[in-house]
Structures are given as structure tokens and as C-alpha cells.
Amino acid sequence: MTWAARLRRALDAISGEILGINGRNVRVIYRHNPRKHFPIADDKILAKTWLGNAGVPVPTTIAVGEDFADLTTLVDAVSAHDDFVLKPANGSGGGGIVVLVARYGAGWRTAGGRAIDRAAIRRHAADILFGSFTLDVPDRVLAEERLIPHATLATMFPDGLSDVRVITLKGIAAAAMLRVPTRASGGRANLHQGAIGLGVDLATGKTTRARLRGRAITTHPDSKAQLVDVQLPHWDEILDVARRSAAAVPLGYLGVDVGIDARRGPVVLEINKRPGLEIQNVNGFGLRPILEAIEAGS
């Protein structure tokens, strides 16, 4: 067999393992996630209610803004805190999330180093209510505690919260990755905004490889910290809260995002009914055979 033929066979084998968008939607999501239950994952406030009722650890809510009459109360509530997170209830991909990490003058400093005052917080909350981050569909504002990064992850990037995305099918963990913020991502752990994706070995909780915007790296571009072969703290607990989150909602296929707080340990930030597929590139393997094995064994 020629070299070209061997390469083609290898590529065909790899592509057969990759779960594409259509395969994910038709073979997995539509089969395991009833559409009537989509709002549970879409609405962060509703998701927190379901998870909290099941005893799953979630961030403490500071305030919720339902309409413009709530804005003064919301701004007053967050003003009592040195740090907090402001987010749209129905946003996606990290859009509209502002992470305030410390007091700065009369206001706060964001994870990206930008100064924000009370007036800017009010304007941003109003934009969320208008639907600026939900395709012009009116939304609600969620203000909640900022989790303090565990020391292991703070070494990588201290101003933003890294999180672990665990893909579950029928409550069984199928794959995981660590998402580490950067200055370019504004302290947010969203890959398409410039965060780093690290593959994680499910058996050990150690990072295996790292990718930034499709490029392989080994050190953080800002902190210069090593990214590969890092043991994630509380690994068994992370898998446990991911499984408990899956059991708490009537959705069979989930992406569970878990933050590791320095004080509380693993805390579930949100759940996703249609988690992205970049986790395959980050880990270097396809999801299709793993999900098929889970289905066959259930």
C-alpha cells in the first residue's frame, strides 16, 4: 500500500469518529432532548432553579432584573459587592457577560482591565433587557457572585474563571475539556472569544493538550503558565456534579459547565442543551463512537 493510500485510510477512520453538526442534531439532540424542555437549559435563571432544587451547587444570585423598573434596585444590590458577574439570562456563547473582579475608583475593573461605573452597569443591564444579546428578544438580567478561581487555575489566569465543560449522555460523562480565559477573551471562558481549550483525560483529570484558535500551544499567552499535564483539583467531584446536573433535568444530552471555586469547590455555572463540537478538536478524538457505546450499553 502506498503512503498516500495509508494516509487516506487513516483520515477516513478519523473522520468516521467525528460527530458533525447534523449528526449531533439528528442522532443525539433530537433523540435525547425533548424540545419542550429546551427552555430549562436556555434560561440561566430557570436552570439554576432546577439545579438548586436538586442540591447541585450553583453560584449565589445577587439580583434579577425582570424589567426596567428593576434597574435601580439591581445596581444598588451589586454596588454592595466588590466583585460580581452580570449576564443575560438567555444569552449564549458568553455574549453580554461582564465579569467585575475588583473595586476601581468609583466603580469596578473588569477581568479585561476595563473600568466600569454604576452608570455603565445600568446601561449594560438595560441593553440585556432590550435583547441586545438575544437577537432583539427581550431578556432578563442575572447578577450573581463571582467565583474565586482555585489556586491551580488562578496560576494559569488569575483575573478570569476557568471552567470545565463535561459532555454527558444519559448521565454518563463522555468527554471533558478545561476552558481557560485570556486577556483577549475579556476573562471569559468561551473559545470563540479567545479562551484556550485544554483536553482532559476523563480517567485522571489531567490536561492532555491545549489549543488556542485552532493552534496547538503549551503555555498561556499571558501568564506563561504551563497548560499540559496539569492535574485538575476536585476531579471526582467535578464528574459527580456533572452527573447530578444531568439527573436533575429532563434532558439526556448536555454540556455541563463547572467552575472550581477556591472556597466551595466545583460549582455548576450553566448547562447547554446543544454543546459545541470543538471539544473534539481540543481533545483530539471524535465523540461519535463514545456516544454510540454509551447508547449501546444503556
C-alpha atoms as a PDB file:
ATOM      1  CA  MET A   1       0.000   0.000   0.000  1.00  0.00           C
ATOM      2  CA  THR A   2       1.342   3.417  -0.956  1.00  0.00           C
ATOM      3  CA  TRP A   3       1.942   6.190   1.587  1.00  0.00           C
ATOM      4  CA  ALA A   4      -0.937   8.209   0.073  1.00  0.00           C
ATOM      5  CA  ALA A   5      -3.304   5.248   0.429  1.00  0.00           C
ATOM      6  CA  ARG A   6      -2.305   4.690   4.055  1.00  0.00           C
ATOM      7  CA  LEU A   7      -2.872   8.393   4.798  1.00  0.00           C
ATOM      8  CA  ARG A   8      -6.311   8.294   3.137  1.00  0.00           C
ATOM      9  CA  ARG A   9      -7.299   5.214   5.181  1.00  0.00           C
ATOM     10  CA  ALA A  10      -6.172   6.911   8.390  1.00  0.00           C
ATOM     11  CA  LEU A  11      -8.097  10.097   7.552  1.00  0.00           C
ATOM     12  CA  ASP A  12     -11.217   8.093   6.692  1.00  0.00           C
ATOM     13  CA  ALA A  13     -11.027   6.297  10.046  1.00  0.00           C
ATOM     14  CA  ILE A  14     -10.668   9.579  11.942  1.00  0.00           C
ATOM     15  CA  SER A  15     -13.499  11.315  10.064  1.00  0.00           C
ATOM     16  CA  GLY A  16     -15.770   8.386  10.854  1.00  0.00           C
ATOM     17  CA  GLU A  17     -15.351   9.140  14.548  1.00  0.00           C
ATOM     18  CA  ILE A  18     -16.107  12.852  14.284  1.00  0.00           C
ATOM     19  CA  LEU A  19     -19.583  13.984  15.317  1.00  0.00           C
ATOM     20  CA  GLY A  20     -20.746  16.684  12.904  1.00  0.00           C
ATOM     21  CA  ILE A  21     -23.459  19.283  13.400  1.00  0.00           C
ATOM     22  CA  ASN A  22     -26.116  17.326  11.535  1.00  0.00           C
ATOM     23  CA  GLY A  23     -25.205  14.111  13.320  1.00  0.00           C
ATOM     24  CA  ARG A  24     -25.305  15.863  16.680  1.00  0.00           C
ATOM     25  CA  ASN A  25     -28.689  17.432  15.982  1.00  0.00           C
ATOM     26  CA  VAL A  26     -30.426  14.425  14.410  1.00  0.00           C
ATOM     27  CA  ARG A  27     -28.777  11.464  16.117  1.00  0.00           C
ATOM     28  CA  VAL A  28     -28.248  12.914  19.579  1.00  0.00           C
ATOM     29  CA  ILE A  29     -30.107  16.106  20.464  1.00  0.00           C
ATOM     30  CA  TYR A  30     -33.455  15.364  18.821  1.00  0.00           C
ATOM     31  CA  ARG A  31     -33.333  11.840  20.212  1.00  0.00           C
ATOM     32  CA  HIS A  32     -32.445  12.704  23.796  1.00  0.00           C
ATOM     33  CA  ASN A  33     -33.509  16.330  24.360  1.00  0.00           C
ATOM     34  CA  PRO A  34     -37.274  16.891  24.012  1.00  0.00           C
ATOM     35  CA  ARG A  35     -37.887  20.345  22.538  1.00  0.00           C
ATOM     36  CA  LYS A  36     -40.434  21.204  25.232  1.00  0.00           C
ATOM     37  CA  HIS A  37     -37.612  21.104  27.787  1.00  0.00           C
ATOM     38  CA  PHE A  38     -35.206  23.346  25.855  1.00  0.00           C
ATOM     39  CA  PRO A  39     -36.087  26.427  27.988  1.00  0.00           C
ATOM     40  CA  ILE A  40     -34.621  24.748  31.081  1.00  0.00           C
ATOM     41  CA  ALA A  41     -31.149  24.955  29.569  1.00  0.00           C
ATOM     42  CA  ASP A  42     -31.695  28.153  27.583  1.00  0.00           C
ATOM     43  CA  ASP A  43     -32.662  30.277  30.608  1.00  0.00           C
ATOM     44  CA  LYS A  44     -29.825  30.514  33.139  1.00  0.00           C
ATOM     45  CA  ILE A  45     -32.201  31.605  35.894  1.00  0.00           C
ATOM     46  CA  LEU A  46     -34.566  28.703  35.264  1.00  0.00           C
ATOM     47  CA  ALA A  47     -31.633  26.271  35.068  1.00  0.00           C
ATOM     48  CA  LYS A  48     -30.340  27.484  38.425  1.00  0.00           C
ATOM     49  CA  THR A  49     -33.762  26.807  39.927  1.00  0.00           C
ATOM     50  CA  TRP A  50     -33.844  23.218  38.636  1.00  0.00           C
ATOM     51  CA  LEU A  51     -30.258  22.517  39.687  1.00  0.00           C
ATOM     52  CA  GLY A  52     -30.566  24.238  43.056  1.00  0.00           C
ATOM     53  CA  ASN A  53     -33.728  22.290  43.880  1.00  0.00           C
ATOM     54  CA  ALA A  54     -31.765  19.081  43.235  1.00  0.00           C
ATOM     55  CA  GLY A  55     -28.973  20.146  45.576  1.00  0.00           C
ATOM     56  CA  VAL A  56     -26.460  20.867  42.810  1.00  0.00           C
ATOM     57  CA  PRO A  57     -24.079  23.690  43.834  1.00  0.00           C
ATOM     58  CA  VAL A  58     -24.650  26.871  41.780  1.00  0.00           C
ATOM     59  CA  PRO A  59     -23.420  30.477  42.139  1.00  0.00           C
ATOM     60  CA  THR A  60     -25.327  32.626  44.617  1.00  0.00           C
ATOM     61  CA  THR A  61     -27.755  35.043  42.951  1.00  0.00           C
ATOM     62  CA  ILE A  62     -27.333  38.702  43.950  1.00  0.00           C
ATOM     63  CA  ALA A  63     -30.251  40.155  41.987  1.00  0.00           C
ATOM     64  CA  VAL A  64     -32.513  39.547  38.999  1.00  0.00           C
ATOM     65  CA  GLY A  65     -33.808  42.303  36.740  1.00  0.00           C
ATOM     66  CA  GLU A  66     -37.120  41.462  35.113  1.00  0.00           C
ATOM     67  CA  ASP A  67     -37.825  44.897  33.586  1.00  0.00           C
ATOM     68  CA  PHE A  68     -36.553  48.468  33.514  1.00  0.00           C
ATOM     69  CA  ALA A  69     -38.251  49.302  36.807  1.00  0.00           C
ATOM     70  CA  ASP A  70     -35.821  46.864  38.482  1.00  0.00           C
ATOM     71  CA  LEU A  71     -32.641  48.562  37.271  1.00  0.00           C
ATOM     72  CA  THR A  72     -32.134  50.914  40.225  1.00  0.00           C
ATOM     73  CA  THR A  73     -32.623  48.071  42.708  1.00  0.00           C
ATOM     74  CA  LEU A  74     -30.258  45.832  40.724  1.00  0.00           C
ATOM     75  CA  VAL A  75     -27.499  48.468  40.557  1.00  0.00           C
ATOM     76  CA  ASP A  76     -27.889  49.159  44.278  1.00  0.00           C
ATOM     77  CA  ALA A  77     -27.644  45.435  45.018  1.00  0.00           C
ATOM     78  CA  VAL A  78     -24.412  44.876  43.050  1.00  0.00           C
ATOM     79  CA  SER A  79     -22.920  48.078  44.484  1.00  0.00           C
ATOM     80  CA  ALA A  80     -22.666  46.308  47.836  1.00  0.00           C
ATOM     81  CA  HIS A  81     -20.192  43.851  46.272  1.00  0.00           C
ATOM     82  CA  ASP A  82     -16.540  44.293  45.372  1.00  0.00           C
ATOM     83  CA  ASP A  83     -16.872  41.752  42.575  1.00  0.00           C
ATOM     84  CA  PHE A  84     -19.736  40.109  40.723  1.00  0.00           C
ATOM     85  CA  VAL A  85     -20.890  38.812  37.338  1.00  0.00           C
ATOM     86  CA  LEU A  86     -23.606  40.350  35.193  1.00  0.00           C
ATOM     87  CA  LYS A  87     -25.138  38.214  32.443  1.00  0.00           C
ATOM     88  CA  PRO A  88     -28.219  37.849  30.221  1.00  0.00           C
ATOM     89  CA  ALA A  89     -30.488  35.026  31.334  1.00  0.00           C
ATOM     90  CA  ASN A  90     -30.864  33.743  27.773  1.00  0.00           C
ATOM     91  CA  GLY A  91     -27.541  34.705  26.239  1.00  0.00           C
ATOM     92  CA  SER A  92     -25.227  32.230  24.562  1.00  0.00           C
ATOM     93  CA  GLY A  93     -21.556  31.945  23.723  1.00  0.00           C
ATOM     94  CA  GLY A  94     -20.573  34.334  26.504  1.00  0.00           C
ATOM     95  CA  GLY A  95     -22.260  37.287  24.817  1.00  0.00           C
ATOM     96  CA  GLY A  96     -23.249  40.036  27.252  1.00  0.00           C
ATOM     97  CA  ILE A  97     -21.403  38.565  30.238  1.00  0.00           C
ATOM     98  CA  VAL A  98     -19.411  41.123  32.223  1.00  0.00           C
ATOM     99  CA  VAL A  99     -17.062  39.946  34.962  1.00  0.00           C
ATOM    100  CA  LEU A 100     -16.192  42.589  37.583  1.00  0.00           C
ATOM    101  CA  VAL A 101     -13.155  41.490  39.559  1.00  0.00           C
ATOM    102  CA  ALA A 102     -12.336  44.385  41.915  1.00  0.00           C
ATOM    103  CA  ARG A 103     -13.203  47.916  43.000  1.00  0.00           C
ATOM    104  CA  TYR A 104     -11.623  50.598  40.849  1.00  0.00           C
ATOM    105  CA  GLY A 105     -12.181  54.236  41.756  1.00  0.00           C
ATOM    106  CA  ALA A 106     -15.910  54.883  41.980  1.00  0.00           C
ATOM    107  CA  GLY A 107     -16.691  51.688  40.133  1.00  0.00           C
ATOM    108  CA  TRP A 108     -15.059  48.377  39.242  1.00  0.00           C
ATOM    109  CA  ARG A 109     -12.451  46.818  36.995  1.00  0.00           C
ATOM    110  CA  THR A 110     -13.377  44.064  34.546  1.00  0.00           C
ATOM    111  CA  ALA A 111     -11.337  40.914  34.024  1.00  0.00           C
ATOM    112  CA  GLY A 112     -10.087  42.512  30.808  1.00  0.00           C
ATOM    113  CA  GLY A 113      -8.847  45.603  32.680  1.00  0.00           C
ATOM    114  CA  ARG A 114     -11.619  47.996  31.670  1.00  0.00           C
ATOM    115  CA  ALA A 115     -13.067  50.477  34.189  1.00  0.00           C
ATOM    116  CA  ILE A 116     -16.848  50.414  34.718  1.00  0.00           C
ATOM    117  CA  ASP A 117     -19.009  52.645  36.926  1.00  0.00           C
ATOM    118  CA  ARG A 118     -22.605  52.435  38.156  1.00  0.00           C
ATOM    119  CA  ALA A 119     -23.945  54.254  35.093  1.00  0.00           C
ATOM    120  CA  ALA A 120     -22.211  51.789  32.763  1.00  0.00           C
ATOM    121  CA  ILE A 121     -23.624  48.853  34.739  1.00  0.00           C
ATOM    122  CA  ARG A 122     -27.103  50.318  34.403  1.00  0.00           C
ATOM    123  CA  ARG A 123     -26.657  50.829  30.641  1.00  0.00           C
ATOM    124  CA  HIS A 124     -25.388  47.291  30.173  1.00  0.00           C
ATOM    125  CA  ALA A 125     -28.290  45.856  32.177  1.00  0.00           C
ATOM    126  CA  ALA A 126     -30.685  47.900  30.026  1.00  0.00           C
ATOM    127  CA  ASP A 127     -29.060  46.517  26.866  1.00  0.00           C
ATOM    128  CA  ILE A 128     -29.651  42.997  28.203  1.00  0.00           C
ATOM    129  CA  LEU A 129     -33.322  43.770  28.873  1.00  0.00           C
ATOM    130  CA  PHE A 130     -33.684  45.229  25.373  1.00  0.00           C
ATOM    131  CA  GLY A 131     -32.431  41.935  23.920  1.00  0.00           C
ATOM    132  CA  SER A 132     -29.091  43.178  22.587  1.00  0.00           C
ATOM    133  CA  PHE A 133     -27.583  39.733  23.234  1.00  0.00           C
ATOM    134  CA  THR A 134     -30.628  37.616  22.360  1.00  0.00           C
ATOM    135  CA  LEU A 135     -31.418  38.675  18.773  1.00  0.00           C
ATOM    136  CA  ASP A 136     -33.644  41.556  19.942  1.00  0.00           C
ATOM    137  CA  VAL A 137     -35.804  39.268  22.071  1.00  0.00           C
ATOM    138  CA  PRO A 138     -36.372  40.946  25.478  1.00  0.00           C
ATOM    139  CA  ASP A 139     -34.441  39.221  28.241  1.00  0.00           C
ATOM    140  CA  ARG A 140     -33.814  39.236  31.982  1.00  0.00           C
ATOM    141  CA  VAL A 141     -30.660  40.304  33.817  1.00  0.00           C
ATOM    142  CA  LEU A 142     -28.867  37.981  36.243  1.00  0.00           C
ATOM    143  CA  ALA A 143     -26.327  39.315  38.728  1.00  0.00           C
ATOM    144  CA  GLU A 144     -24.514  36.675  40.744  1.00  0.00           C
ATOM    145  CA  GLU A 145     -21.441  36.109  42.865  1.00  0.00           C
ATOM    146  CA  ARG A 146     -18.076  35.901  41.156  1.00  0.00           C
ATOM    147  CA  LEU A 147     -16.404  32.617  41.916  1.00  0.00           C
ATOM    148  CA  ILE A 148     -12.785  32.835  43.037  1.00  0.00           C
ATOM    149  CA  PRO A 149     -10.551  30.635  40.859  1.00  0.00           C
ATOM    150  CA  HIS A 150      -8.917  27.692  42.585  1.00  0.00           C
ATOM    151  CA  ALA A 151      -5.172  28.297  43.061  1.00  0.00           C
ATOM    152  CA  THR A 152      -4.237  25.704  40.425  1.00  0.00           C
ATOM    153  CA  LEU A 153      -6.276  27.508  37.775  1.00  0.00           C
ATOM    154  CA  ALA A 154      -5.515  31.020  39.042  1.00  0.00           C
ATOM    155  CA  THR A 155      -1.886  30.285  38.176  1.00  0.00           C
ATOM    156  CA  MET A 156      -2.934  29.968  34.548  1.00  0.00           C
ATOM    157  CA  PHE A 157      -5.035  33.154  34.506  1.00  0.00           C
ATOM    158  CA  PRO A 158      -5.955  34.924  37.765  1.00  0.00           C
ATOM    159  CA  ASP A 159      -8.476  37.504  36.505  1.00  0.00           C
ATOM    160  CA  GLY A 160     -10.972  35.138  34.894  1.00  0.00           C
ATOM    161  CA  LEU A 161     -12.722  31.947  35.865  1.00  0.00           C
ATOM    162  CA  SER A 162     -11.657  28.822  34.007  1.00  0.00           C
ATOM    163  CA  ASP A 163     -14.350  26.184  33.711  1.00  0.00           C
ATOM    164  CA  VAL A 164     -14.619  22.514  32.883  1.00  0.00           C
ATOM    165  CA  ARG A 165     -17.082  21.532  30.137  1.00  0.00           C
ATOM    166  CA  VAL A 166     -18.284  17.957  30.664  1.00  0.00           C
ATOM    167  CA  ILE A 167     -20.360  16.316  27.922  1.00  0.00           C
ATOM    168  CA  THR A 168     -22.854  13.834  29.327  1.00  0.00           C
ATOM    169  CA  LEU A 169     -25.219  11.390  27.654  1.00  0.00           C
ATOM    170  CA  LYS A 170     -27.795   9.676  29.848  1.00  0.00           C
ATOM    171  CA  GLY A 171     -25.876  10.903  32.865  1.00  0.00           C
ATOM    172  CA  ILE A 172     -22.581   9.338  31.728  1.00  0.00           C
ATOM    173  CA  ALA A 173     -19.549  11.548  31.125  1.00  0.00           C
ATOM    174  CA  ALA A 174     -18.384  11.222  27.501  1.00  0.00           C
ATOM    175  CA  ALA A 175     -15.673  13.888  27.245  1.00  0.00           C
ATOM    176  CA  ALA A 176     -14.321  16.909  29.070  1.00  0.00           C
ATOM    177  CA  MET A 177     -12.204  19.972  28.434  1.00  0.00           C
ATOM    178  CA  LEU A 178     -10.892  22.848  30.515  1.00  0.00           C
ATOM    179  CA  ARG A 179     -11.527  26.325  29.107  1.00  0.00           C
ATOM    180  CA  VAL A 180      -9.039  28.956  30.286  1.00  0.00           C
ATOM    181  CA  PRO A 181      -9.687  32.679  29.736  1.00  0.00           C
ATOM    182  CA  THR A 182      -7.178  35.118  28.291  1.00  0.00           C
ATOM    183  CA  ARG A 183      -6.912  38.899  28.177  1.00  0.00           C
ATOM    184  CA  ALA A 184      -8.181  38.695  24.599  1.00  0.00           C
ATOM    185  CA  SER A 185     -11.317  36.845  25.758  1.00  0.00           C
ATOM    186  CA  GLY A 186     -12.044  39.502  28.396  1.00  0.00           C
ATOM    187  CA  GLY A 187     -11.737  36.983  31.204  1.00  0.00           C
ATOM    188  CA  ARG A 188     -14.490  34.802  29.733  1.00  0.00           C
ATOM    189  CA  ALA A 189     -14.034  31.076  29.168  1.00  0.00           C
ATOM    190  CA  ASN A 190     -15.525  30.995  25.665  1.00  0.00           C
ATOM    191  CA  LEU A 191     -13.337  29.507  22.952  1.00  0.00           C
ATOM    192  CA  HIS A 192     -14.658  31.612  20.090  1.00  0.00           C
ATOM    193  CA  GLN A 193     -13.906  34.767  22.083  1.00  0.00           C
ATOM    194  CA  GLY A 194     -10.269  33.823  22.557  1.00  0.00           C
ATOM    195  CA  ALA A 195     -10.189  31.416  25.510  1.00  0.00           C
ATOM    196  CA  ILE A 196      -7.930  28.345  25.442  1.00  0.00           C
ATOM    197  CA  GLY A 197      -9.307  24.804  25.236  1.00  0.00           C
ATOM    198  CA  LEU A 198      -7.442  22.062  27.094  1.00  0.00           C
ATOM    199  CA  GLY A 199      -8.196  18.388  26.569  1.00  0.00           C
ATOM    200  CA  VAL A 200      -8.807  16.489  29.801  1.00  0.00           C
ATOM    201  CA  ASP A 201      -8.359  12.771  30.404  1.00  0.00           C
ATOM    202  CA  LEU A 202     -11.618  11.530  31.955  1.00  0.00           C
ATOM    203  CA  ALA A 203      -9.923   8.819  33.981  1.00  0.00           C
ATOM    204  CA  THR A 204      -7.328  11.019  35.668  1.00  0.00           C
ATOM    205  CA  GLY A 205      -8.454  14.631  35.341  1.00  0.00           C
ATOM    206  CA  LYS A 206      -5.119  15.636  33.821  1.00  0.00           C
ATOM    207  CA  THR A 207      -4.857  18.036  30.884  1.00  0.00           C
ATOM    208  CA  THR A 208      -3.514  16.375  27.754  1.00  0.00           C
ATOM    209  CA  ARG A 209      -3.146  19.151  25.160  1.00  0.00           C
ATOM    210  CA  ALA A 210      -4.072  22.806  24.571  1.00  0.00           C
ATOM    211  CA  ARG A 211      -5.411  24.739  21.588  1.00  0.00           C
ATOM    212  CA  LEU A 212      -5.942  28.463  21.041  1.00  0.00           C
ATOM    213  CA  ARG A 213      -7.979  29.462  17.984  1.00  0.00           C
ATOM    214  CA  GLY A 214      -7.139  26.153  16.317  1.00  0.00           C
ATOM    215  CA  ARG A 215      -3.409  26.329  17.075  1.00  0.00           C
ATOM    216  CA  ALA A 216      -1.576  23.948  19.407  1.00  0.00           C
ATOM    217  CA  ILE A 217       0.140  25.670  22.354  1.00  0.00           C
ATOM    218  CA  THR A 218       1.780  24.536  25.602  1.00  0.00           C
ATOM    219  CA  THR A 219       1.911  27.764  27.666  1.00  0.00           C
ATOM    220  CA  HIS A 220      -0.624  30.503  28.388  1.00  0.00           C
ATOM    221  CA  PRO A 221      -0.007  33.571  26.156  1.00  0.00           C
ATOM    222  CA  ASP A 222      -0.477  35.989  29.083  1.00  0.00           C
ATOM    223  CA  SER A 223       0.691  34.215  32.241  1.00  0.00           C
ATOM    224  CA  LYS A 224       3.205  31.895  30.504  1.00  0.00           C
ATOM    225  CA  ALA A 225       1.932  29.103  32.800  1.00  0.00           C
ATOM    226  CA  GLN A 226       2.247  25.506  31.645  1.00  0.00           C
ATOM    227  CA  LEU A 227      -1.024  24.110  30.309  1.00  0.00           C
ATOM    228  CA  VAL A 228      -0.310  20.434  29.601  1.00  0.00           C
ATOM    229  CA  ASP A 229      -0.155  17.599  32.158  1.00  0.00           C
ATOM    230  CA  VAL A 230      -1.821  19.693  34.853  1.00  0.00           C
ATOM    231  CA  GLN A 231      -3.866  17.786  37.446  1.00  0.00           C
ATOM    232  CA  LEU A 232      -7.269  19.417  37.862  1.00  0.00           C
ATOM    233  CA  PRO A 233      -8.340  19.709  41.515  1.00  0.00           C
ATOM    234  CA  HIS A 234     -11.540  18.039  42.781  1.00  0.00           C
ATOM    235  CA  TRP A 235     -11.761  15.887  39.649  1.00  0.00           C
ATOM    236  CA  ASP A 236     -14.043  13.225  41.116  1.00  0.00           C
ATOM    237  CA  GLU A 237     -16.335  15.945  42.486  1.00  0.00           C
ATOM    238  CA  ILE A 238     -16.447  17.663  39.095  1.00  0.00           C
ATOM    239  CA  LEU A 239     -17.645  14.461  37.433  1.00  0.00           C
ATOM    240  CA  ASP A 240     -20.116  13.933  40.261  1.00  0.00           C
ATOM    241  CA  VAL A 241     -21.760  17.370  39.948  1.00  0.00           C
ATOM    242  CA  ALA A 242     -21.907  16.912  36.157  1.00  0.00           C
ATOM    243  CA  ARG A 243     -23.768  13.614  36.628  1.00  0.00           C
ATOM    244  CA  ARG A 244     -26.054  15.133  39.261  1.00  0.00           C
ATOM    245  CA  SER A 245     -26.823  18.040  36.924  1.00  0.00           C
ATOM    246  CA  ALA A 246     -27.755  15.598  34.176  1.00  0.00           C
ATOM    247  CA  ALA A 247     -30.032  13.732  36.580  1.00  0.00           C
ATOM    248  CA  ALA A 248     -31.691  16.970  37.731  1.00  0.00           C
ATOM    249  CA  VAL A 249     -33.174  17.949  34.351  1.00  0.00           C
ATOM    250  CA  PRO A 250     -35.233  16.100  31.696  1.00  0.00           C
ATOM    251  CA  LEU A 251     -32.528  16.496  29.027  1.00  0.00           C
ATOM    252  CA  GLY A 252     -30.472  13.446  28.104  1.00  0.00           C
ATOM    253  CA  TYR A 253     -27.556  15.097  26.288  1.00  0.00           C
ATOM    254  CA  LEU A 254     -25.826  18.018  27.999  1.00  0.00           C
ATOM    255  CA  GLY A 255     -22.769  20.174  28.213  1.00  0.00           C
ATOM    256  CA  VAL A 256     -22.296  20.934  31.917  1.00  0.00           C
ATOM    257  CA  ASP A 257     -20.003  23.871  32.696  1.00  0.00           C
ATOM    258  CA  VAL A 258     -18.334  23.583  36.093  1.00  0.00           C
ATOM    259  CA  GLY A 259     -16.255  26.256  37.806  1.00  0.00           C
ATOM    260  CA  ILE A 260     -13.835  25.372  40.610  1.00  0.00           C
ATOM    261  CA  ASP A 261     -14.214  27.925  43.376  1.00  0.00           C
ATOM    262  CA  ALA A 262     -11.371  28.349  45.883  1.00  0.00           C
ATOM    263  CA  ARG A 263     -13.868  28.216  48.763  1.00  0.00           C
ATOM    264  CA  ARG A 264     -16.719  25.998  47.593  1.00  0.00           C
ATOM    265  CA  GLY A 265     -15.062  23.611  45.164  1.00  0.00           C
ATOM    266  CA  PRO A 266     -16.972  22.592  41.995  1.00  0.00           C
ATOM    267  CA  VAL A 267     -19.955  24.830  41.177  1.00  0.00           C
ATOM    268  CA  VAL A 268     -22.170  24.441  38.093  1.00  0.00           C
ATOM    269  CA  LEU A 269     -22.242  27.651  36.062  1.00  0.00           C
ATOM    270  CA  GLU A 270     -24.745  26.584  33.408  1.00  0.00           C
ATOM    271  CA  ILE A 271     -25.976  23.709  31.284  1.00  0.00           C
ATOM    272  CA  ASN A 272     -26.164  23.531  27.500  1.00  0.00           C
ATOM    273  CA  LYS A 273     -28.678  21.504  25.524  1.00  0.00           C
ATOM    274  CA  ARG A 274     -26.639  21.816  22.310  1.00  0.00           C
ATOM    275  CA  PRO A 275     -22.979  21.926  23.373  1.00  0.00           C
ATOM    276  CA  GLY A 276     -20.475  22.857  20.691  1.00  0.00           C
ATOM    277  CA  LEU A 277     -18.334  20.304  18.906  1.00  0.00           C
ATOM    278  CA  GLU A 278     -14.938  21.993  19.317  1.00  0.00           C
ATOM    279  CA  ILE A 279     -14.322  19.714  22.300  1.00  0.00           C
ATOM    280  CA  GLN A 280     -13.406  17.048  19.713  1.00  0.00           C
ATOM    281  CA  ASN A 281     -10.614  19.179  18.226  1.00  0.00           C
ATOM    282  CA  VAL A 282      -9.424  20.175  21.677  1.00  0.00           C
ATOM    283  CA  ASN A 283      -9.153  16.539  22.816  1.00  0.00           C
ATOM    284  CA  GLY A 284      -8.017  15.098  19.507  1.00  0.00           C
ATOM    285  CA  PHE A 285     -10.734  12.438  19.236  1.00  0.00           C
ATOM    286  CA  GLY A 286     -14.273  12.174  17.925  1.00  0.00           C
ATOM    287  CA  LEU A 287     -17.407  11.837  20.039  1.00  0.00           C
ATOM    288  CA  ARG A 288     -19.375   9.540  17.738  1.00  0.00           C
ATOM    289  CA  PRO A 289     -18.046   6.127  18.905  1.00  0.00           C
ATOM    290  CA  ILE A 290     -18.145   7.206  22.554  1.00  0.00           C
ATOM    291  CA  LEU A 291     -21.786   8.260  22.361  1.00  0.00           C
ATOM    292  CA  GLU A 292     -22.698   5.114  20.418  1.00  0.00           C
ATOM    293  CA  ALA A 293     -21.046   2.986  23.108  1.00  0.00           C
ATOM    294  CA  ILE A 294     -22.995   4.782  25.836  1.00  0.00           C
ATOM    295  CA  GLU A 295     -26.255   4.236  23.975  1.00  0.00           C
ATOM    296  CA  ALA A 296     -25.433   0.581  23.339  1.00  0.00           C
ATOM    297  CA  GLY A 297     -24.618  -0.022  26.979  1.00  0.00           C
ATOM    298  CA  SER A 298     -27.688   1.667  28.427  1.00  0.00           C
END
